[in-house]
Amino acid sequence: MWGPGHALRGQDASCVDHAVTVLDSAQLQTERFFFFGLVCYFLACICLVCLLFDFKGRVLVCSIFTVTLLWLSCKVAKIRRVLMPEKWTTGHLNCKRVKIGELMGDTSLTGERGISTNFATDI
């Protein structure tokens, strides 16, 4: 919610660049925490099974968890392989910011004092 709003309501293109950078780093952190939580969940389940079940039950349930974890890892790798682009591009904007007033030869059109429609009264 923050990123698109910051990009749209920002003063210039640097706000879009900043929003893309922050969202990109937040995505990486979110993915890492998700996978860390998934591994912790499986480890906690295996520990609980080892505490509560007899030997036969431990072997059966731990093997089911291991197969499930391997299957999940294979599916994640397949999805990642399909969704990752061949060439990685970023949302960084490479541009030279031009002040319209300087471009048009009128330094009063810099926009630093706000935007006015007073020019229309002289027409």
PDB file of N, CA and C in Angstrom:
ATOM      1  N   MET A   1       0.831  -1.192   0.000  1.00  0.00           N
ATOM      2  CA  MET A   1       0.000   0.000   0.000  1.00  0.00           C
ATOM      3  C   MET A   1       0.874   1.254   0.000  1.00  0.00           C
ATOM      4  N   TRP A   2       1.988   1.219   0.728  1.00  0.00           N
ATOM      5  CA  TRP A   2       2.818   2.409   0.843  1.00  0.00           C
ATOM      6  C   TRP A   2       3.506   2.731  -0.484  1.00  0.00           C
ATOM      7  N   GLY A   3       4.033   1.703  -1.155  1.00  0.00           N
ATOM      8  CA  GLY A   3       4.838   1.925  -2.352  1.00  0.00           C
ATOM      9  C   GLY A   3       4.115   2.641  -3.469  1.00  0.00           C
ATOM     10  N   PRO A   4       2.955   2.134  -3.933  1.00  0.00           N
ATOM     11  CA  PRO A   4       2.268   2.823  -5.025  1.00  0.00           C
ATOM     12  C   PRO A   4       1.833   4.244  -4.638  1.00  0.00           C
ATOM     13  N   GLY A   5       1.405   4.429  -3.400  1.00  0.00           N
ATOM     14  CA  GLY A   5       0.999   5.768  -2.967  1.00  0.00           C
ATOM     15  C   GLY A   5       2.171   6.727  -2.945  1.00  0.00           C
ATOM     16  N   HIS A   6       3.309   6.255  -2.453  1.00  0.00           N
ATOM     17  CA  HIS A   6       4.508   7.098  -2.418  1.00  0.00           C
ATOM     18  C   HIS A   6       4.960   7.439  -3.833  1.00  0.00           C
ATOM     19  N   ALA A   7       4.883   6.463  -4.729  1.00  0.00           N
ATOM     20  CA  ALA A   7       5.313   6.702  -6.105  1.00  0.00           C
ATOM     21  C   ALA A   7       4.387   7.683  -6.816  1.00  0.00           C
ATOM     22  N   LEU A   8       3.076   7.592  -6.573  1.00  0.00           N
ATOM     23  CA  LEU A   8       2.130   8.453  -7.276  1.00  0.00           C
ATOM     24  C   LEU A   8       2.070   9.865  -6.704  1.00  0.00           C
ATOM     25  N   ARG A   9       2.224   9.986  -5.394  1.00  0.00           N
ATOM     26  CA  ARG A   9       2.104  11.309  -4.773  1.00  0.00           C
ATOM     27  C   ARG A   9       3.438  12.009  -4.578  1.00  0.00           C
ATOM     28  N   GLY A  10       4.515  11.417  -5.057  1.00  0.00           N
ATOM     29  CA  GLY A  10       5.839  11.999  -4.880  1.00  0.00           C
ATOM     30  C   GLY A  10       6.032  13.260  -5.700  1.00  0.00           C
ATOM     31  N   GLN A  11       7.101  13.954  -5.386  1.00  0.00           N
ATOM     32  CA  GLN A  11       7.383  15.227  -6.045  1.00  0.00           C
ATOM     33  C   GLN A  11       7.922  15.039  -7.463  1.00  0.00           C
ATOM     34  N   ASP A  12       8.761  14.009  -7.633  1.00  0.00           N
ATOM     35  CA  ASP A  12       9.358  13.780  -8.951  1.00  0.00           C
ATOM     36  C   ASP A  12       9.647  12.297  -9.133  1.00  0.00           C
ATOM     37  N   ALA A  13      10.436  11.974 -10.139  1.00  0.00           N
ATOM     38  CA  ALA A  13      10.711  10.573 -10.467  1.00  0.00           C
ATOM     39  C   ALA A  13      11.551   9.880  -9.412  1.00  0.00           C
ATOM     40  N   SER A  14      12.245  10.636  -8.572  1.00  0.00           N
ATOM     41  CA  SER A  14      13.062  10.004  -7.533  1.00  0.00           C
ATOM     42  C   SER A  14      12.181   9.278  -6.512  1.00  0.00           C
ATOM     43  N   CYS A  15      10.931   9.706  -6.335  1.00  0.00           N
ATOM     44  CA  CYS A  15      10.020   9.014  -5.426  1.00  0.00           C
ATOM     45  C   CYS A  15       9.643   7.639  -5.967  1.00  0.00           C
ATOM     46  N   VAL A  16       9.485   7.536  -7.277  1.00  0.00           N
ATOM     47  CA  VAL A  16       9.204   6.240  -7.897  1.00  0.00           C
ATOM     48  C   VAL A  16      10.410   5.324  -7.715  1.00  0.00           C
ATOM     49  N   ASP A  17      11.592   5.863  -7.948  1.00  0.00           N
ATOM     50  CA  ASP A  17      12.816   5.090  -7.793  1.00  0.00           C
ATOM     51  C   ASP A  17      12.978   4.606  -6.352  1.00  0.00           C
ATOM     52  N   HIS A  18      12.721   5.470  -5.399  1.00  0.00           N
ATOM     53  CA  HIS A  18      12.828   5.108  -3.977  1.00  0.00           C
ATOM     54  C   HIS A  18      11.803   4.045  -3.604  1.00  0.00           C
ATOM     55  N   ALA A  19      10.576   4.179  -4.085  1.00  0.00           N
ATOM     56  CA  ALA A  19       9.536   3.194  -3.782  1.00  0.00           C
ATOM     57  C   ALA A  19       9.888   1.822  -4.354  1.00  0.00           C
ATOM     58  N   VAL A  20      10.420   1.780  -5.561  1.00  0.00           N
ATOM     59  CA  VAL A  20      10.814   0.501  -6.166  1.00  0.00           C
ATOM     60  C   VAL A  20      11.942  -0.137  -5.373  1.00  0.00           C
ATOM     61  N   THR A  21      12.905   0.650  -4.927  1.00  0.00           N
ATOM     62  CA  THR A  21      14.026   0.123  -4.148  1.00  0.00           C
ATOM     63  C   THR A  21      13.550  -0.451  -2.825  1.00  0.00           C
ATOM     64  N   VAL A  22      12.684   0.280  -2.127  1.00  0.00           N
ATOM     65  CA  VAL A  22      12.187  -0.184  -0.824  1.00  0.00           C
ATOM     66  C   VAL A  22      11.336  -1.446  -0.990  1.00  0.00           C
ATOM     67  N   LEU A  23      10.463  -1.478  -1.980  1.00  0.00           N
ATOM     68  CA  LEU A  23       9.617  -2.645  -2.195  1.00  0.00           C
ATOM     69  C   LEU A  23      10.427  -3.868  -2.617  1.00  0.00           C
ATOM     70  N   ASP A  24      11.491  -3.664  -3.380  1.00  0.00           N
ATOM     71  CA  ASP A  24      12.340  -4.781  -3.792  1.00  0.00           C
ATOM     72  C   ASP A  24      13.041  -5.404  -2.590  1.00  0.00           C
ATOM     73  N   SER A  25      13.567  -4.563  -1.701  1.00  0.00           N
ATOM     74  CA  SER A  25      14.223  -5.111  -0.505  1.00  0.00           C
ATOM     75  C   SER A  25      13.199  -5.739   0.445  1.00  0.00           C
ATOM     76  N   ALA A  26      12.007  -5.184   0.523  1.00  0.00           N
ATOM     77  CA  ALA A  26      10.968  -5.769   1.379  1.00  0.00           C
ATOM     78  C   ALA A  26      10.534  -7.128   0.849  1.00  0.00           C
ATOM     79  N   GLN A  27      10.486  -7.299  -0.471  1.00  0.00           N
ATOM     80  CA  GLN A  27      10.112  -8.585  -1.048  1.00  0.00           C
ATOM     81  C   GLN A  27      11.137  -9.652  -0.688  1.00  0.00           C
ATOM     82  N   LEU A  28      12.421  -9.318  -0.776  1.00  0.00           N
ATOM     83  CA  LEU A  28      13.462 -10.282  -0.432  1.00  0.00           C
ATOM     84  C   LEU A  28      13.375 -10.684   1.039  1.00  0.00           C
ATOM     85  N   GLN A  29      13.168  -9.712   1.916  1.00  0.00           N
ATOM     86  CA  GLN A  29      13.038 -10.014   3.343  1.00  0.00           C
ATOM     87  C   GLN A  29      11.822 -10.887   3.611  1.00  0.00           C
ATOM     88  N   THR A  30      10.727 -10.596   2.962  1.00  0.00           N
ATOM     89  CA  THR A  30       9.504 -11.368   3.156  1.00  0.00           C
ATOM     90  C   THR A  30       9.685 -12.812   2.721  1.00  0.00           C
ATOM     91  N   GLU A  31      10.327 -13.022   1.577  1.00  0.00           N
ATOM     92  CA  GLU A  31      10.581 -14.385   1.113  1.00  0.00           C
ATOM     93  C   GLU A  31      11.486 -15.132   2.073  1.00  0.00           C
ATOM     94  N   ARG A  32      12.521 -14.487   2.570  1.00  0.00           N
ATOM     95  CA  ARG A  32      13.434 -15.149   3.517  1.00  0.00           C
ATOM     96  C   ARG A  32      12.717 -15.534   4.806  1.00  0.00           C
ATOM     97  N   PHE A  33      11.930 -14.632   5.351  1.00  0.00           N
ATOM     98  CA  PHE A  33      11.202 -14.936   6.584  1.00  0.00           C
ATOM     99  C   PHE A  33      10.175 -16.045   6.368  1.00  0.00           C
ATOM    100  N   PHE A  34       9.540 -16.061   5.205  1.00  0.00           N
ATOM    101  CA  PHE A  34       8.568 -17.113   4.921  1.00  0.00           C
ATOM    102  C   PHE A  34       9.234 -18.482   4.900  1.00  0.00           C
ATOM    103  N   PHE A  35      10.347 -18.603   4.175  1.00  0.00           N
ATOM    104  CA  PHE A  35      11.020 -19.901   4.093  1.00  0.00           C
ATOM    105  C   PHE A  35      11.634 -20.306   5.435  1.00  0.00           C
ATOM    106  N   PHE A  36      12.136 -19.337   6.194  1.00  0.00           N
ATOM    107  CA  PHE A  36      12.648 -19.641   7.524  1.00  0.00           C
ATOM    108  C   PHE A  36      11.519 -20.156   8.420  1.00  0.00           C
ATOM    109  N   GLY A  37      10.357 -19.551   8.340  1.00  0.00           N
ATOM    110  CA  GLY A  37       9.204 -20.011   9.108  1.00  0.00           C
ATOM    111  C   GLY A  37       8.743 -21.389   8.681  1.00  0.00           C
ATOM    112  N   LEU A  38       8.811 -21.669   7.403  1.00  0.00           N
ATOM    113  CA  LEU A  38       8.426 -22.990   6.897  1.00  0.00           C
ATOM    114  C   LEU A  38       9.366 -24.074   7.415  1.00  0.00           C
ATOM    115  N   VAL A  39      10.657 -23.808   7.395  1.00  0.00           N
ATOM    116  CA  VAL A  39      11.636 -24.768   7.918  1.00  0.00           C
ATOM    117  C   VAL A  39      11.439 -24.963   9.417  1.00  0.00           C
ATOM    118  N   CYS A  40      11.212 -23.878  10.151  1.00  0.00           N
ATOM    119  CA  CYS A  40      10.972 -23.983  11.596  1.00  0.00           C
ATOM    120  C   CYS A  40       9.710 -24.790  11.888  1.00  0.00           C
ATOM    121  N   TYR A  41       8.689 -24.626  11.086  1.00  0.00           N
ATOM    122  CA  TYR A  41       7.456 -25.390  11.275  1.00  0.00           C
ATOM    123  C   TYR A  41       7.713 -26.889  11.120  1.00  0.00           C
ATOM    124  N   PHE A  42       8.418 -27.261  10.043  1.00  0.00           N
ATOM    125  CA  PHE A  42       8.696 -28.680   9.827  1.00  0.00           C
ATOM    126  C   PHE A  42       9.588 -29.248  10.931  1.00  0.00           C
ATOM    127  N   LEU A  43      10.587 -28.484  11.366  1.00  0.00           N
ATOM    128  CA  LEU A  43      11.450 -28.959  12.449  1.00  0.00           C
ATOM    129  C   LEU A  43      10.676 -29.119  13.756  1.00  0.00           C
ATOM    130  N   ALA A  44       9.774 -28.195  14.046  1.00  0.00           N
ATOM    131  CA  ALA A  44       8.970 -28.298  15.263  1.00  0.00           C
ATOM    132  C   ALA A  44       8.046 -29.509  15.201  1.00  0.00           C
ATOM    133  N   CYS A  45       7.473 -29.760  14.038  1.00  0.00           N
ATOM    134  CA  CYS A  45       6.608 -30.936  13.888  1.00  0.00           C
ATOM    135  C   CYS A  45       7.385 -32.225  14.060  1.00  0.00           C
ATOM    136  N   ILE A  46       8.579 -32.287  13.506  1.00  0.00           N
ATOM    137  CA  ILE A  46       9.399 -33.489  13.641  1.00  0.00           C
ATOM    138  C   ILE A  46       9.814 -33.697  15.094  1.00  0.00           C
ATOM    139  N   CYS A  47      10.174 -32.611  15.782  1.00  0.00           N
ATOM    140  CA  CYS A  47      10.526 -32.723  17.209  1.00  0.00           C
ATOM    141  C   CYS A  47       9.331 -33.200  18.032  1.00  0.00           C
ATOM    142  N   LEU A  48       8.167 -32.686  17.747  1.00  0.00           N
ATOM    143  CA  LEU A  48       6.964 -33.093  18.474  1.00  0.00           C
ATOM    144  C   LEU A  48       6.646 -34.569  18.228  1.00  0.00           C
ATOM    145  N   VAL A  49       6.801 -34.995  16.998  1.00  0.00           N
ATOM    146  CA  VAL A  49       6.559 -36.402  16.669  1.00  0.00           C
ATOM    147  C   VAL A  49       7.558 -37.295  17.420  1.00  0.00           C
ATOM    148  N   CYS A  50       8.817 -36.859  17.473  1.00  0.00           N
ATOM    149  CA  CYS A  50       9.831 -37.659  18.181  1.00  0.00           C
ATOM    150  C   CYS A  50       9.536 -37.758  19.676  1.00  0.00           C
ATOM    151  N   LEU A  51       8.898 -36.748  20.238  1.00  0.00           N
ATOM    152  CA  LEU A  51       8.574 -36.780  21.665  1.00  0.00           C
ATOM    153  C   LEU A  51       7.332 -37.605  21.973  1.00  0.00           C
ATOM    154  N   LEU A  52       6.355 -37.626  21.089  1.00  0.00           N
ATOM    155  CA  LEU A  52       5.060 -38.211  21.410  1.00  0.00           C
ATOM    156  C   LEU A  52       4.838 -39.618  20.858  1.00  0.00           C
ATOM    157  N   PHE A  53       5.504 -39.994  19.786  1.00  0.00           N
ATOM    158  CA  PHE A  53       5.211 -41.277  19.146  1.00  0.00           C
ATOM    159  C   PHE A  53       6.246 -42.326  19.526  1.00  0.00           C
ATOM    160  N   ASP A  54       5.867 -43.581  19.330  1.00  0.00           N
ATOM    161  CA  ASP A  54       6.821 -44.665  19.528  1.00  0.00           C
ATOM    162  C   ASP A  54       7.740 -44.740  18.303  1.00  0.00           C
ATOM    163  N   PHE A  55       8.683 -45.669  18.298  1.00  0.00           N
ATOM    164  CA  PHE A  55       9.697 -45.714  17.245  1.00  0.00           C
ATOM    165  C   PHE A  55       9.087 -45.900  15.864  1.00  0.00           C
ATOM    166  N   LYS A  56       8.151 -46.811  15.733  1.00  0.00           N
ATOM    167  CA  LYS A  56       7.521 -47.067  14.440  1.00  0.00           C
ATOM    168  C   LYS A  56       6.787 -45.822  13.930  1.00  0.00           C
ATOM    169  N   GLY A  57       6.044 -45.168  14.823  1.00  0.00           N
ATOM    170  CA  GLY A  57       5.319 -43.955  14.454  1.00  0.00           C
ATOM    171  C   GLY A  57       6.255 -42.827  14.086  1.00  0.00           C
ATOM    172  N   ARG A  58       7.381 -42.699  14.824  1.00  0.00           N
ATOM    173  CA  ARG A  58       8.369 -41.659  14.515  1.00  0.00           C
ATOM    174  C   ARG A  58       8.917 -41.829  13.105  1.00  0.00           C
ATOM    175  N   VAL A  59       9.311 -43.045  12.787  1.00  0.00           N
ATOM    176  CA  VAL A  59       9.889 -43.301  11.472  1.00  0.00           C
ATOM    177  C   VAL A  59       8.873 -43.013  10.373  1.00  0.00           C
ATOM    178  N   LEU A  60       7.646 -43.456  10.574  1.00  0.00           N
ATOM    179  CA  LEU A  60       6.612 -43.254   9.559  1.00  0.00           C
ATOM    180  C   LEU A  60       6.306 -41.771   9.351  1.00  0.00           C
ATOM    181  N   VAL A  61       6.034 -41.060  10.444  1.00  0.00           N
ATOM    182  CA  VAL A  61       5.646 -39.647  10.327  1.00  0.00           C
ATOM    183  C   VAL A  61       6.826 -38.792   9.873  1.00  0.00           C
ATOM    184  N   CYS A  62       8.029 -39.047  10.379  1.00  0.00           N
ATOM    185  CA  CYS A  62       9.195 -38.271   9.949  1.00  0.00           C
ATOM    186  C   CYS A  62       9.503 -38.504   8.469  1.00  0.00           C
ATOM    187  N   SER A  63       9.311 -39.727   8.005  1.00  0.00           N
ATOM    188  CA  SER A  63       9.526 -39.975   6.580  1.00  0.00           C
ATOM    189  C   SER A  63       8.468 -39.271   5.733  1.00  0.00           C
ATOM    190  N   ILE A  64       7.224 -39.231   6.221  1.00  0.00           N
ATOM    191  CA  ILE A  64       6.173 -38.486   5.503  1.00  0.00           C
ATOM    192  C   ILE A  64       6.516 -37.000   5.456  1.00  0.00           C
ATOM    193  N   PHE A  65       6.970 -36.446   6.585  1.00  0.00           N
ATOM    194  CA  PHE A  65       7.368 -35.033   6.611  1.00  0.00           C
ATOM    195  C   PHE A  65       8.548 -34.777   5.684  1.00  0.00           C
ATOM    196  N   THR A  66       9.515 -35.680   5.657  1.00  0.00           N
ATOM    197  CA  THR A  66      10.682 -35.507   4.795  1.00  0.00           C
ATOM    198  C   THR A  66      10.287 -35.543   3.323  1.00  0.00           C
ATOM    199  N   VAL A  67       9.442 -36.480   2.956  1.00  0.00           N
ATOM    200  CA  VAL A  67       8.976 -36.556   1.565  1.00  0.00           C
ATOM    201  C   VAL A  67       8.184 -35.296   1.202  1.00  0.00           C
ATOM    202  N   THR A  68       7.346 -34.839   2.120  1.00  0.00           N
ATOM    203  CA  THR A  68       6.559 -33.628   1.871  1.00  0.00           C
ATOM    204  C   THR A  68       7.466 -32.409   1.708  1.00  0.00           C
ATOM    205  N   LEU A  69       8.488 -32.307   2.547  1.00  0.00           N
ATOM    206  CA  LEU A  69       9.415 -31.180   2.449  1.00  0.00           C
ATOM    207  C   LEU A  69      10.201 -31.225   1.144  1.00  0.00           C
ATOM    208  N   LEU A  70      10.633 -32.395   0.721  1.00  0.00           N
ATOM    209  CA  LEU A  70      11.337 -32.524  -0.557  1.00  0.00           C
ATOM    210  C   LEU A  70      10.420 -32.201  -1.731  1.00  0.00           C
ATOM    211  N   TRP A  71       9.172 -32.673  -1.673  1.00  0.00           N
ATOM    212  CA  TRP A  71       8.203 -32.371  -2.731  1.00  0.00           C
ATOM    213  C   TRP A  71       7.950 -30.872  -2.809  1.00  0.00           C
ATOM    214  N   LEU A  72       7.800 -30.231  -1.643  1.00  0.00           N
ATOM    215  CA  LEU A  72       7.571 -28.787  -1.604  1.00  0.00           C
ATOM    216  C   LEU A  72       8.770 -28.033  -2.163  1.00  0.00           C
ATOM    217  N   SER A  73       9.971 -28.476  -1.830  1.00  0.00           N
ATOM    218  CA  SER A  73      11.178 -27.831  -2.352  1.00  0.00           C
ATOM    219  C   SER A  73      11.258 -27.956  -3.873  1.00  0.00           C
ATOM    220  N   CYS A  74      10.908 -29.123  -4.393  1.00  0.00           N
ATOM    221  CA  CYS A  74      10.913 -29.300  -5.854  1.00  0.00           C
ATOM    222  C   CYS A  74       9.893 -28.400  -6.528  1.00  0.00           C
ATOM    223  N   LYS A  75       8.715 -28.275  -5.941  1.00  0.00           N
ATOM    224  CA  LYS A  75       7.677 -27.407  -6.515  1.00  0.00           C
ATOM    225  C   LYS A  75       8.103 -25.944  -6.486  1.00  0.00           C
ATOM    226  N   VAL A  76       8.714 -25.517  -5.387  1.00  0.00           N
ATOM    227  CA  VAL A  76       9.183 -24.125  -5.289  1.00  0.00           C
ATOM    228  C   VAL A  76      10.261 -23.858  -6.342  1.00  0.00           C
ATOM    229  N   ALA A  77      11.193 -24.814  -6.513  1.00  0.00           N
ATOM    230  CA  ALA A  77      12.240 -24.647  -7.522  1.00  0.00           C
ATOM    231  C   ALA A  77      11.649 -24.571  -8.921  1.00  0.00           C
ATOM    232  N   LYS A  78      10.638 -25.390  -9.210  1.00  0.00           N
ATOM    233  CA  LYS A  78      10.003 -25.375 -10.526  1.00  0.00           C
ATOM    234  C   LYS A  78       9.278 -24.051 -10.768  1.00  0.00           C
ATOM    235  N   ILE A  79       8.542 -23.577  -9.772  1.00  0.00           N
ATOM    236  CA  ILE A  79       7.830 -22.298  -9.902  1.00  0.00           C
ATOM    237  C   ILE A  79       8.820 -21.163 -10.091  1.00  0.00           C
ATOM    238  N   ARG A  80       9.902 -21.180  -9.318  1.00  0.00           N
ATOM    239  CA  ARG A  80      10.915 -20.128  -9.417  1.00  0.00           C
ATOM    240  C   ARG A  80      11.564 -20.143 -10.800  1.00  0.00           C
ATOM    241  N   ARG A  81      11.844 -21.341 -11.331  1.00  0.00           N
ATOM    242  CA  ARG A  81      12.459 -21.458 -12.649  1.00  0.00           C
ATOM    243  C   ARG A  81      11.537 -20.917 -13.739  1.00  0.00           C
ATOM    244  N   VAL A  82      10.238 -21.149 -13.602  1.00  0.00           N
ATOM    245  CA  VAL A  82       9.282 -20.685 -14.607  1.00  0.00           C
ATOM    246  C   VAL A  82       9.063 -19.174 -14.509  1.00  0.00           C
ATOM    247  N   LEU A  83       8.997 -18.658 -13.302  1.00  0.00           N
ATOM    248  CA  LEU A  83       8.655 -17.243 -13.125  1.00  0.00           C
ATOM    249  C   LEU A  83       9.834 -16.286 -13.226  1.00  0.00           C
ATOM    250  N   MET A  84      11.048 -16.776 -13.015  1.00  0.00           N
ATOM    251  CA  MET A  84      12.205 -15.882 -13.075  1.00  0.00           C
ATOM    252  C   MET A  84      12.520 -15.553 -14.523  1.00  0.00           C
ATOM    253  N   PRO A  85      12.698 -14.290 -14.835  1.00  0.00           N
ATOM    254  CA  PRO A  85      13.004 -13.916 -16.221  1.00  0.00           C
ATOM    255  C   PRO A  85      14.437 -14.303 -16.583  1.00  0.00           C
ATOM    256  N   GLU A  86      14.667 -14.446 -17.886  1.00  0.00           N
ATOM    257  CA  GLU A  86      16.012 -14.766 -18.353  1.00  0.00           C
ATOM    258  C   GLU A  86      16.961 -13.599 -18.116  1.00  0.00           C
ATOM    259  N   LYS A  87      16.478 -12.412 -18.356  1.00  0.00           N
ATOM    260  CA  LYS A  87      17.282 -11.219 -18.125  1.00  0.00           C
ATOM    261  C   LYS A  87      16.609 -10.409 -17.030  1.00  0.00           C
ATOM    262  N   TRP A  88      17.339 -10.126 -15.979  1.00  0.00           N
ATOM    263  CA  TRP A  88      16.783  -9.429 -14.833  1.00  0.00           C
ATOM    264  C   TRP A  88      16.872  -7.928 -15.042  1.00  0.00           C
ATOM    265  N   THR A  89      15.763  -7.239 -14.856  1.00  0.00           N
ATOM    266  CA  THR A  89      15.762  -5.791 -14.954  1.00  0.00           C
ATOM    267  C   THR A  89      15.259  -5.212 -13.648  1.00  0.00           C
ATOM    268  N   THR A  90      15.682  -4.024 -13.349  1.00  0.00           N
ATOM    269  CA  THR A  90      15.233  -3.357 -12.127  1.00  0.00           C
ATOM    270  C   THR A  90      14.274  -2.248 -12.499  1.00  0.00           C
ATOM    271  N   GLY A  91      13.651  -1.690 -11.515  1.00  0.00           N
ATOM    272  CA  GLY A  91      12.745  -0.573 -11.738  1.00  0.00           C
ATOM    273  C   GLY A  91      13.438   0.769 -11.630  1.00  0.00           C
ATOM    274  N   HIS A  92      14.762   0.759 -11.575  1.00  0.00           N
ATOM    275  CA  HIS A  92      15.514   2.007 -11.448  1.00  0.00           C
ATOM    276  C   HIS A  92      15.361   2.848 -12.708  1.00  0.00           C
ATOM    277  N   LEU A  93      15.077   4.119 -12.516  1.00  0.00           N
ATOM    278  CA  LEU A  93      14.881   5.023 -13.642  1.00  0.00           C
ATOM    279  C   LEU A  93      16.193   5.702 -13.988  1.00  0.00           C
ATOM    280  N   ASN A  94      16.664   5.497 -15.189  1.00  0.00           N
ATOM    281  CA  ASN A  94      17.867   6.163 -15.662  1.00  0.00           C
ATOM    282  C   ASN A  94      17.443   7.321 -16.550  1.00  0.00           C
ATOM    283  N   CYS A  95      17.463   8.499 -15.990  1.00  0.00           N
ATOM    284  CA  CYS A  95      17.072   9.655 -16.779  1.00  0.00           C
ATOM    285  C   CYS A  95      17.770  10.893 -16.243  1.00  0.00           C
ATOM    286  N   LYS A  96      17.864  11.878 -17.088  1.00  0.00           N
ATOM    287  CA  LYS A  96      18.403  13.157 -16.677  1.00  0.00           C
ATOM    288  C   LYS A  96      17.217  14.087 -16.460  1.00  0.00           C
ATOM    289  N   ARG A  97      17.058  14.505 -15.239  1.00  0.00           N
ATOM    290  CA  ARG A  97      15.922  15.369 -14.924  1.00  0.00           C
ATOM    291  C   ARG A  97      16.157  16.760 -15.504  1.00  0.00           C
ATOM    292  N   VAL A  98      15.172  17.249 -16.221  1.00  0.00           N
ATOM    293  CA  VAL A  98      15.276  18.532 -16.889  1.00  0.00           C
ATOM    294  C   VAL A  98      14.275  19.482 -16.260  1.00  0.00           C
ATOM    295  N   LYS A  99      14.736  20.672 -15.928  1.00  0.00           N
ATOM    296  CA  LYS A  99      13.825  21.698 -15.432  1.00  0.00           C
ATOM    297  C   LYS A  99      13.211  22.376 -16.650  1.00  0.00           C
ATOM    298  N   ILE A 100      11.894  22.388 -16.682  1.00  0.00           N
ATOM    299  CA  ILE A 100      11.180  22.901 -17.853  1.00  0.00           C
ATOM    300  C   ILE A 100      11.510  24.366 -18.107  1.00  0.00           C
ATOM    301  N   GLY A 101      11.630  25.144 -17.053  1.00  0.00           N
ATOM    302  CA  GLY A 101      11.930  26.566 -17.230  1.00  0.00           C
ATOM    303  C   GLY A 101      13.260  26.797 -17.905  1.00  0.00           C
ATOM    304  N   GLU A 102      14.269  26.060 -17.500  1.00  0.00           N
ATOM    305  CA  GLU A 102      15.579  26.201 -18.125  1.00  0.00           C
ATOM    306  C   GLU A 102      15.548  25.724 -19.569  1.00  0.00           C
ATOM    307  N   LEU A 103      14.773  24.699 -19.826  1.00  0.00           N
ATOM    308  CA  LEU A 103      14.662  24.171 -21.188  1.00  0.00           C
ATOM    309  C   LEU A 103      13.993  25.187 -22.104  1.00  0.00           C
ATOM    310  N   MET A 104      12.968  25.870 -21.586  1.00  0.00           N
ATOM    311  CA  MET A 104      12.233  26.834 -22.399  1.00  0.00           C
ATOM    312  C   MET A 104      12.896  28.212 -22.403  1.00  0.00           C
ATOM    313  N   GLY A 105      13.937  28.410 -21.585  1.00  0.00           N
ATOM    314  CA  GLY A 105      14.622  29.699 -21.548  1.00  0.00           C
ATOM    315  C   GLY A 105      14.016  30.682 -20.560  1.00  0.00           C
ATOM    316  N   ASP A 106      13.054  30.255 -19.751  1.00  0.00           N
ATOM    317  CA  ASP A 106      12.411  31.124 -18.767  1.00  0.00           C
ATOM    318  C   ASP A 106      12.664  30.542 -17.380  1.00  0.00           C
ATOM    319  N   THR A 107      13.501  31.228 -16.602  1.00  0.00           N
ATOM    320  CA  THR A 107      13.851  30.703 -15.281  1.00  0.00           C
ATOM    321  C   THR A 107      12.721  30.850 -14.273  1.00  0.00           C
ATOM    322  N   SER A 108      11.676  31.570 -14.602  1.00  0.00           N
ATOM    323  CA  SER A 108      10.555  31.712 -13.663  1.00  0.00           C
ATOM    324  C   SER A 108       9.640  30.484 -13.694  1.00  0.00           C
ATOM    325  N   LEU A 109       9.854  29.568 -14.624  1.00  0.00           N
ATOM    326  CA  LEU A 109       9.031  28.374 -14.739  1.00  0.00           C
ATOM    327  C   LEU A 109       9.662  27.158 -14.037  1.00  0.00           C
ATOM    328  N   THR A 110      10.403  27.387 -12.978  1.00  0.00           N
ATOM    329  CA  THR A 110      11.070  26.266 -12.319  1.00  0.00           C
ATOM    330  C   THR A 110      10.102  25.410 -11.525  1.00  0.00           C
ATOM    331  N   GLY A 111       9.015  25.961 -11.066  1.00  0.00           N
ATOM    332  CA  GLY A 111       8.048  25.202 -10.290  1.00  0.00           C
ATOM    333  C   GLY A 111       8.404  25.083  -8.828  1.00  0.00           C
ATOM    334  N   GLU A 112       9.468  25.754  -8.401  1.00  0.00           N
ATOM    335  CA  GLU A 112       9.892  25.657  -7.002  1.00  0.00           C
ATOM    336  C   GLU A 112       8.970  26.441  -6.071  1.00  0.00           C
ATOM    337  N   ARG A 113       8.303  27.469  -6.589  1.00  0.00           N
ATOM    338  CA  ARG A 113       7.386  28.264  -5.763  1.00  0.00           C
ATOM    339  C   ARG A 113       5.948  27.800  -5.930  1.00  0.00           C
ATOM    340  N   GLY A 114       5.747  26.659  -6.543  1.00  0.00           N
ATOM    341  CA  GLY A 114       4.400  26.172  -6.774  1.00  0.00           C
ATOM    342  C   GLY A 114       3.964  26.453  -8.199  1.00  0.00           C
ATOM    343  N   ILE A 115       2.795  26.017  -8.511  1.00  0.00           N
ATOM    344  CA  ILE A 115       2.267  26.184  -9.859  1.00  0.00           C
ATOM    345  C   ILE A 115       1.168  27.225  -9.823  1.00  0.00           C
ATOM    346  N   SER A 116       1.196  28.143 -10.758  1.00  0.00           N
ATOM    347  CA  SER A 116       0.224  29.229 -10.789  1.00  0.00           C
ATOM    348  C   SER A 116      -0.359  29.332 -12.191  1.00  0.00           C
ATOM    349  N   THR A 117      -1.571  29.853 -12.247  1.00  0.00           N
ATOM    350  CA  THR A 117      -2.204  30.109 -13.542  1.00  0.00           C
ATOM    351  C   THR A 117      -2.311  31.597 -13.814  1.00  0.00           C
ATOM    352  N   ASN A 118      -1.473  32.390 -13.170  1.00  0.00           N
ATOM    353  CA  ASN A 118      -1.508  33.848 -13.375  1.00  0.00           C
ATOM    354  C   ASN A 118      -1.160  34.249 -14.801  1.00  0.00           C
ATOM    355  N   PHE A 119      -0.427  33.408 -15.513  1.00  0.00           N
ATOM    356  CA  PHE A 119      -0.068  33.730 -16.887  1.00  0.00           C
ATOM    357  C   PHE A 119      -1.311  33.855 -17.782  1.00  0.00           C
ATOM    358  N   ALA A 120      -2.388  33.202 -17.400  1.00  0.00           N
ATOM    359  CA  ALA A 120      -3.597  33.211 -18.228  1.00  0.00           C
ATOM    360  C   ALA A 120      -4.303  34.564 -18.181  1.00  0.00           C
ATOM    361  N   THR A 121      -4.047  35.367 -17.171  1.00  0.00           N
ATOM    362  CA  THR A 121      -4.698  36.681 -17.094  1.00  0.00           C
ATOM    363  C   THR A 121      -4.110  37.652 -18.108  1.00  0.00           C
ATOM    364  N   ASP A 122      -2.905  37.412 -18.580  1.00  0.00           N
ATOM    365  CA  ASP A 122      -2.263  38.303 -19.542  1.00  0.00           C
ATOM    366  C   ASP A 122      -2.657  38.001 -20.976  1.00  0.00           C
ATOM    367  N   ILE A 123      -3.391  36.941 -21.189  1.00  0.00           N
ATOM    368  CA  ILE A 123      -3.742  36.543 -22.561  1.00  0.00           C
ATOM    369  C   ILE A 123      -4.924  37.350 -23.045  1.00  0.00           C
TER     370      ILE A 123
END
